[in-house]
Protein backbone atom coordinates (compact mmCIF):
# COMPACT_ATOMS: atom_id res chain seq x y z
CA MET A 1 -98.25 -189.05 -187.36
CA ARG A 2 -100.09 -186.00 -186.23
CA ALA A 3 -96.76 -184.87 -184.65
CA ASN A 4 -95.06 -185.49 -187.93
CA LEU A 5 -97.79 -183.81 -189.54
CA ALA A 6 -97.38 -180.66 -187.59
CA ILE A 7 -93.81 -180.61 -188.10
CA VAL A 8 -94.03 -180.83 -191.98
CA ILE A 9 -96.58 -177.80 -191.93
CA LEU A 10 -94.61 -175.68 -189.51
CA LEU A 11 -91.43 -176.27 -191.72
CA PHE A 12 -93.77 -175.47 -194.96
CA LEU A 13 -94.75 -172.15 -193.31
CA ILE A 14 -91.40 -171.13 -192.39
CA GLY A 15 -90.14 -171.94 -195.83
CA CYS A 16 -92.93 -169.50 -197.11
CA ILE A 17 -92.01 -166.56 -194.88
CA GLN A 18 -88.44 -166.82 -195.93
CA GLU A 19 -89.05 -166.94 -199.69
CA ASN A 20 -91.41 -163.59 -199.17
CA PRO A 21 -89.63 -160.24 -198.71
CA GLU A 22 -92.70 -158.70 -197.84
CA VAL A 23 -93.35 -160.78 -194.85
CA ASN A 24 -89.35 -160.63 -193.67
CA ASN A 25 -89.65 -156.96 -193.67
CA LEU A 26 -92.60 -156.61 -191.83
CA SER A 27 -90.86 -153.99 -189.32
CA ASP A 28 -90.49 -151.73 -192.50
CA GLN A 29 -94.37 -151.89 -193.01
CA PRO A 30 -96.56 -148.89 -192.28
CA VAL A 31 -97.71 -149.17 -188.68
CA SER A 32 -101.66 -149.31 -188.17
CA PRO A 33 -102.45 -146.00 -185.76
CA SER A 34 -103.73 -146.73 -182.48
CA VAL A 35 -105.78 -143.65 -182.79
CA TYR A 36 -106.96 -143.27 -186.18
CA PRO A 37 -106.48 -139.95 -187.74
CA PRO A 38 -109.38 -137.58 -188.64
CA GLU A 39 -110.64 -136.94 -192.17
CA PHE A 40 -108.88 -134.20 -194.01
CA ASN A 41 -111.13 -131.48 -195.10
CA ALA A 42 -109.70 -130.58 -198.50
CA ASP A 43 -112.29 -127.76 -198.70
CA SER A 44 -111.06 -126.16 -195.51
CA ALA A 45 -107.61 -126.23 -196.85
CA TYR A 46 -108.66 -124.70 -199.98
CA SER A 47 -110.32 -121.92 -198.03
CA TYR A 48 -106.91 -121.09 -196.48
CA ILE A 49 -105.31 -121.16 -199.57
CA GLN A 50 -107.96 -118.52 -200.80
CA LYS A 51 -107.56 -116.27 -197.81
CA GLN A 52 -103.72 -116.08 -198.28
CA VAL A 53 -104.19 -115.25 -201.78
CA ASN A 54 -106.69 -112.65 -201.00
CA PHE A 55 -104.00 -110.82 -199.18
CA GLY A 56 -101.81 -110.78 -202.44
CA PRO A 57 -98.43 -111.35 -202.81
CA ARG A 58 -96.68 -112.19 -199.46
CA VAL A 59 -93.46 -110.41 -199.89
CA PRO A 60 -91.40 -109.65 -197.20
CA ASN A 61 -91.26 -105.64 -196.38
CA THR A 62 -94.85 -105.22 -197.79
CA GLN A 63 -98.29 -104.77 -196.28
CA PRO A 64 -99.87 -107.95 -197.62
CA HIS A 65 -96.97 -109.67 -195.81
CA LYS A 66 -97.59 -108.21 -192.63
CA GLU A 67 -101.42 -108.94 -192.73
CA CYS A 68 -100.91 -112.42 -193.61
CA ARG A 69 -98.37 -112.93 -190.76
CA ASP A 70 -100.72 -111.72 -188.31
CA TYR A 71 -103.66 -113.86 -189.86
CA LEU A 72 -101.49 -117.05 -189.57
CA ILE A 73 -100.71 -116.20 -185.82
CA GLU A 74 -104.12 -115.68 -184.87
CA LYS A 75 -105.56 -118.63 -186.87
CA LEU A 76 -103.00 -121.19 -185.02
CA GLN A 77 -103.50 -119.79 -181.70
CA SER A 78 -107.09 -119.90 -182.14
CA TYR A 79 -106.65 -123.78 -182.73
CA GLY A 80 -105.22 -123.89 -179.35
CA LEU A 81 -101.72 -124.14 -180.42
CA LYS A 82 -98.75 -122.21 -178.37
CA VAL A 83 -97.34 -119.86 -181.11
CA THR A 84 -93.89 -117.99 -181.13
CA ALA A 85 -93.00 -115.50 -183.66
CA GLN A 86 -89.28 -115.54 -184.52
CA ASN A 87 -88.42 -112.15 -185.97
CA GLY A 88 -85.09 -111.35 -187.86
CA VAL A 89 -83.45 -109.58 -190.70
CA ALA A 90 -81.97 -111.17 -193.61
CA ASN A 91 -79.72 -109.88 -196.31
CA ALA A 92 -81.08 -110.96 -199.83
CA PHE A 93 -78.90 -111.71 -202.78
CA ASP A 94 -79.63 -107.88 -203.98
CA GLY A 95 -78.81 -106.40 -200.94
CA THR A 96 -82.50 -105.98 -199.94
CA LYS A 97 -82.50 -106.27 -195.80
CA LEU A 98 -85.57 -108.57 -195.36
CA ASN A 99 -87.70 -108.33 -192.13
CA PHE A 100 -88.74 -111.79 -191.90
CA THR A 101 -90.85 -113.88 -189.43
CA ASN A 102 -90.71 -117.61 -188.94
CA ILE A 103 -94.08 -118.59 -187.17
CA ILE A 104 -93.70 -121.64 -184.81
CA ALA A 105 -96.76 -123.37 -183.43
CA ALA A 106 -96.58 -126.07 -180.63
CA TYR A 107 -99.52 -128.98 -180.21
CA ARG A 108 -98.84 -130.61 -176.54
CA PRO A 109 -95.60 -128.17 -176.22
CA GLU A 110 -95.21 -130.39 -172.82
CA GLU A 111 -94.29 -133.60 -174.70
CA LYS A 112 -90.67 -134.28 -175.24
CA SER A 113 -90.74 -136.70 -178.39
CA ARG A 114 -92.08 -134.38 -181.18
CA ILE A 115 -92.68 -134.22 -184.95
CA LEU A 116 -91.83 -131.33 -187.22
CA LEU A 117 -94.29 -130.17 -189.95
CA CYS A 118 -93.33 -127.20 -191.95
CA ALA A 119 -93.85 -125.14 -195.28
CA HIS A 120 -92.84 -121.58 -196.12
CA TRP A 121 -95.56 -119.01 -196.39
CA ASP A 122 -93.91 -116.00 -198.42
CA THR A 123 -94.03 -115.55 -202.18
CA ARG A 124 -91.75 -114.97 -205.04
CA PRO A 125 -91.04 -111.19 -205.44
CA PHE A 126 -90.72 -111.69 -209.26
CA ALA A 127 -92.32 -113.74 -211.89
CA ASP A 128 -88.85 -114.53 -213.32
CA GLN A 129 -90.34 -117.36 -215.42
CA ASP A 130 -93.33 -115.44 -216.84
CA LYS A 131 -93.03 -113.52 -220.45
CA ASN A 132 -95.34 -110.97 -219.05
CA GLN A 133 -94.76 -108.79 -216.33
CA PRO A 134 -91.44 -110.73 -214.90
CA ASN A 135 -90.65 -108.19 -212.55
CA MET A 136 -93.90 -108.50 -210.84
CA PRO A 137 -94.68 -110.57 -207.73
CA ILE A 138 -96.68 -113.46 -207.87
CA LEU A 139 -99.72 -114.66 -205.86
CA GLY A 140 -98.01 -117.86 -205.09
CA ALA A 141 -101.42 -120.31 -204.54
CA ASN A 142 -99.23 -123.28 -204.87
CA ASP A 143 -95.76 -122.06 -204.21
CA GLY A 144 -96.40 -121.27 -200.60
CA GLY A 145 -100.10 -121.13 -200.02
CA SER A 146 -100.83 -124.73 -200.75
CA GLY A 147 -98.23 -126.08 -197.86
CA VAL A 148 -99.77 -123.54 -195.40
CA GLY A 149 -102.94 -124.37 -196.38
CA VAL A 150 -102.58 -128.19 -195.68
CA LEU A 151 -100.62 -127.51 -192.42
CA LEU A 152 -103.65 -125.06 -191.12
CA GLU A 153 -106.10 -127.84 -191.66
CA ILE A 154 -103.92 -130.11 -189.81
CA ALA A 155 -103.54 -127.73 -186.69
CA ARG A 156 -107.41 -127.45 -186.92
CA LEU A 157 -107.94 -131.07 -186.59
CA LEU A 158 -105.15 -131.60 -184.04
CA GLN A 159 -107.44 -129.20 -181.52
CA THR A 160 -109.74 -132.47 -180.93
CA GLY A 161 -106.76 -133.56 -178.79
CA ASP A 162 -106.88 -137.32 -179.88
CA LEU A 163 -103.06 -137.22 -180.78
CA LYS A 164 -101.08 -137.96 -177.40
CA LYS A 165 -97.88 -136.56 -179.19
CA GLY A 166 -95.78 -133.50 -179.56
CA ILE A 167 -96.38 -132.02 -182.86
CA ASP A 168 -94.62 -128.61 -184.17
CA ILE A 169 -95.45 -126.50 -186.93
CA ILE A 170 -93.22 -124.06 -188.73
CA PHE A 171 -94.11 -121.45 -191.40
CA PHE A 172 -90.91 -120.32 -192.73
CA ASP A 173 -90.12 -116.84 -194.09
CA ALA A 174 -88.10 -115.68 -196.83
CA GLU A 175 -87.78 -118.84 -198.48
CA ASP A 176 -88.52 -117.54 -202.13
CA TYR A 177 -86.67 -114.39 -202.20
CA GLY A 178 -83.43 -116.05 -203.98
CA LYS A 179 -81.45 -116.10 -207.18
CA SER A 180 -80.36 -119.64 -208.55
CA GLN A 181 -76.82 -118.61 -209.41
CA VAL A 182 -76.19 -117.40 -206.05
CA LYS A 183 -75.42 -119.83 -203.55
CA ASP A 184 -77.81 -119.99 -200.23
CA SER A 185 -79.68 -117.00 -201.48
CA TYR A 186 -82.93 -119.10 -201.00
CA CYS A 187 -84.52 -120.38 -197.86
CA LEU A 188 -83.19 -117.53 -195.65
CA GLY A 189 -85.98 -118.12 -192.80
CA SER A 190 -85.30 -121.66 -192.56
CA GLN A 191 -81.43 -121.07 -192.81
CA TYR A 192 -81.70 -118.51 -189.53
CA TRP A 193 -83.91 -120.96 -187.60
CA SER A 194 -81.30 -123.81 -188.35
CA MET A 195 -78.81 -121.67 -186.52
CA ASN A 196 -81.28 -120.38 -183.94
CA LYS A 197 -83.84 -122.83 -182.92
CA HIS A 198 -86.75 -121.66 -180.91
CA ILE A 199 -85.80 -124.10 -178.29
CA LYS A 200 -82.29 -124.96 -176.95
CA ASN A 201 -81.07 -128.56 -178.36
CA TYR A 202 -84.60 -128.89 -180.32
CA GLN A 203 -84.48 -132.29 -181.76
CA PRO A 204 -87.68 -133.68 -183.33
CA LYS A 205 -87.79 -137.36 -184.24
CA PHE A 206 -88.16 -136.22 -188.01
CA GLY A 207 -89.62 -133.58 -189.98
CA ILE A 208 -91.95 -133.18 -193.03
CA LEU A 209 -91.78 -130.16 -195.43
CA LEU A 210 -94.52 -129.57 -197.83
CA ASP A 211 -93.90 -127.22 -200.87
CA MET A 212 -96.29 -127.04 -203.80
CA VAL A 213 -98.57 -129.52 -202.71
CA GLY A 214 -101.76 -128.54 -204.34
CA ALA A 215 -101.68 -128.48 -208.33
CA LYS A 216 -104.04 -130.46 -210.13
CA ASN A 217 -102.79 -133.96 -211.22
CA ALA A 218 -99.58 -133.24 -209.15
CA THR A 219 -97.18 -136.27 -208.40
CA PHE A 220 -94.49 -136.33 -205.54
CA THR A 221 -91.32 -138.28 -206.07
CA MET A 222 -88.78 -139.45 -203.75
CA GLU A 223 -86.50 -136.22 -203.74
CA GLY A 224 -82.59 -136.55 -203.61
CA TYR A 225 -81.72 -135.07 -200.32
CA SER A 226 -84.78 -136.48 -198.56
CA MET A 227 -83.46 -140.04 -199.73
CA MET A 228 -79.75 -139.15 -198.70
CA TYR A 229 -80.60 -137.68 -195.15
CA ALA A 230 -83.94 -139.25 -194.14
CA PRO A 231 -84.85 -142.51 -196.27
CA HIS A 232 -86.57 -144.28 -193.62
CA VAL A 233 -88.85 -141.25 -193.04
CA VAL A 234 -89.50 -141.18 -197.05
CA LYS A 235 -90.33 -144.94 -197.43
CA ASN A 236 -92.72 -144.68 -194.47
CA VAL A 237 -94.50 -141.48 -195.75
CA TRP A 238 -94.82 -143.03 -199.30
CA LYS A 239 -95.94 -146.50 -197.92
CA ASN A 240 -98.53 -144.74 -195.53
CA ALA A 241 -99.69 -143.07 -199.05
CA ALA A 242 -99.93 -146.29 -200.94
CA GLN A 243 -101.81 -147.82 -197.87
CA ILE A 244 -104.68 -145.21 -198.07
CA GLY A 245 -105.06 -145.26 -201.84
CA TYR A 246 -102.74 -142.49 -202.71
CA SER A 247 -100.00 -144.30 -204.75
CA ASP A 248 -101.11 -142.18 -208.09
CA TYR A 249 -99.77 -139.31 -206.11
CA PHE A 250 -96.93 -140.50 -204.04
CA LEU A 251 -94.91 -142.24 -206.83
CA PHE A 252 -92.08 -144.85 -205.82
CA LYS A 253 -89.65 -142.85 -207.97
CA ARG A 254 -86.06 -141.33 -206.68
CA THR A 255 -85.50 -137.97 -208.32
CA SER A 256 -82.57 -135.51 -208.21
CA PRO A 257 -81.96 -133.41 -205.26
CA MET A 258 -83.00 -130.03 -204.85
CA ILE A 259 -82.19 -127.12 -202.34
CA ASP A 260 -85.35 -126.52 -200.49
CA ASP A 261 -86.00 -125.69 -196.58
CA HIS A 262 -85.36 -129.33 -195.75
CA TYR A 263 -81.63 -129.08 -196.90
CA TYR A 264 -80.64 -126.52 -194.45
CA LEU A 265 -82.84 -128.33 -191.67
CA ASN A 266 -80.70 -131.57 -192.19
CA GLN A 267 -77.44 -129.72 -193.08
CA ILE A 268 -77.36 -127.28 -190.09
CA GLY A 269 -80.07 -128.21 -187.91
CA GLU A 270 -79.34 -131.91 -188.04
CA ILE A 271 -82.94 -132.86 -188.03
CA PRO A 272 -83.98 -135.88 -190.47
CA CYS A 273 -86.43 -134.04 -192.71
CA ILE A 274 -87.98 -134.74 -195.98
CA ASP A 275 -89.52 -132.91 -198.82
CA ILE A 276 -92.75 -133.66 -200.26
CA ILE A 277 -92.70 -131.28 -203.22
CA GLN A 278 -94.48 -131.63 -206.82
CA HIS A 279 -92.16 -133.32 -209.70
CA ASP A 280 -93.03 -132.75 -213.20
CA PRO A 281 -90.54 -134.04 -215.68
CA SER A 282 -92.66 -132.66 -218.56
CA THR A 283 -91.48 -128.94 -217.93
CA ILE A 284 -87.86 -127.73 -217.91
CA SER A 285 -88.13 -126.72 -214.29
CA GLY A 286 -89.67 -129.90 -213.01
CA PHE A 287 -92.16 -127.94 -211.15
CA GLY A 288 -95.03 -127.37 -213.42
CA ALA A 289 -95.54 -124.67 -216.36
CA PHE A 290 -96.96 -122.23 -213.74
CA TRP A 291 -94.21 -122.38 -211.55
CA HIS A 292 -92.69 -118.61 -210.83
CA THR A 293 -95.16 -117.24 -213.26
CA HIS A 294 -98.38 -115.28 -212.56
CA ASP A 295 -100.64 -118.81 -213.47
CA ASP A 296 -99.83 -119.66 -210.02
CA ASN A 297 -103.14 -118.91 -208.82
CA MET A 298 -106.38 -120.39 -207.50
CA ALA A 299 -107.01 -121.95 -210.83
CA ILE A 300 -104.50 -124.46 -210.61
CA ILE A 301 -105.30 -125.41 -206.86
CA SER A 302 -106.89 -129.09 -206.91
CA LYS A 303 -108.74 -130.37 -203.74
CA ALA A 304 -108.16 -133.98 -204.69
CA THR A 305 -104.26 -133.13 -204.36
CA LEU A 306 -104.66 -131.43 -200.98
CA LYS A 307 -106.65 -134.27 -199.82
CA ALA A 308 -103.81 -136.75 -200.87
CA ALA A 309 -101.02 -134.77 -199.14
CA GLY A 310 -102.93 -133.83 -196.12
CA GLN A 311 -104.42 -137.31 -195.48
CA THR A 312 -101.00 -139.02 -196.03
CA VAL A 313 -99.42 -136.53 -193.76
CA LEU A 314 -101.97 -137.31 -191.15
CA GLN A 315 -101.89 -140.97 -191.55
CA THR A 316 -98.01 -140.76 -190.80
CA ILE A 317 -98.26 -138.55 -187.57
CA TYR A 318 -100.94 -140.90 -186.20
CA SER A 319 -99.20 -143.93 -186.74
CA GLN A 320 -95.80 -143.20 -185.49
């Protein structure tokens, strides 16, 4: 009788597992980190954004751009990362020759298996969405500054050495000197890097791009090209966000594809890369009312949003 009872219980449990899709998809669940990620410091990330903004608009060919470049290189080196400055010249849509620098930092460069984290560090040369002074450059606290601030804080935390994985951080230049009506006029730095990688045959497991990740009450949706090229990465990141309590920021909602640096990393570089980028359906742009205006300053930056983005990325790279 005991044997028969055991068989009945076993069959019952098997039936429950078959009817529960969450149990059936255990392989698709977030993996608990073997080494738990450090606590992301939003105050620190905020200060990195403030430092960038203090330089002024970081438009290629300008003095603030050069000063910020030197600061970013020095800061990454101070955290023990191996830094490479990839310099180039790009032709902008208006004929301007842009002197740009892609800043590449490697944590544990000897490791063959790698993860890529990236953002753009330049800012828009004109406030074309602003009624006041539309021809003047913007400060770009969110559009440019926030992604860099989050990754600088991650770079600082990596220096503890607990993570036994290869991480590359790239700050792409000349991303925002474009015109929507001109094909491939944006993301000039990432286009160049995708065709001229800093290491021959460089192929990370996946990439995560952070763009506009600092605004108050921002939400991040599953952007179209990210879902087209790397849906497994999107789902993993979003599940990690939910697991640590940030589902109010990372919405399980698919939205339209958009051209950003990750598009060229996928198309040209053949790297499965996703974009964590704000989506605001209440505005025409979809990026917030401050997008490409002079309102993109420190007043719109939220430490809570920075924390959600940064801690989610840390959870993802530590749980791989």
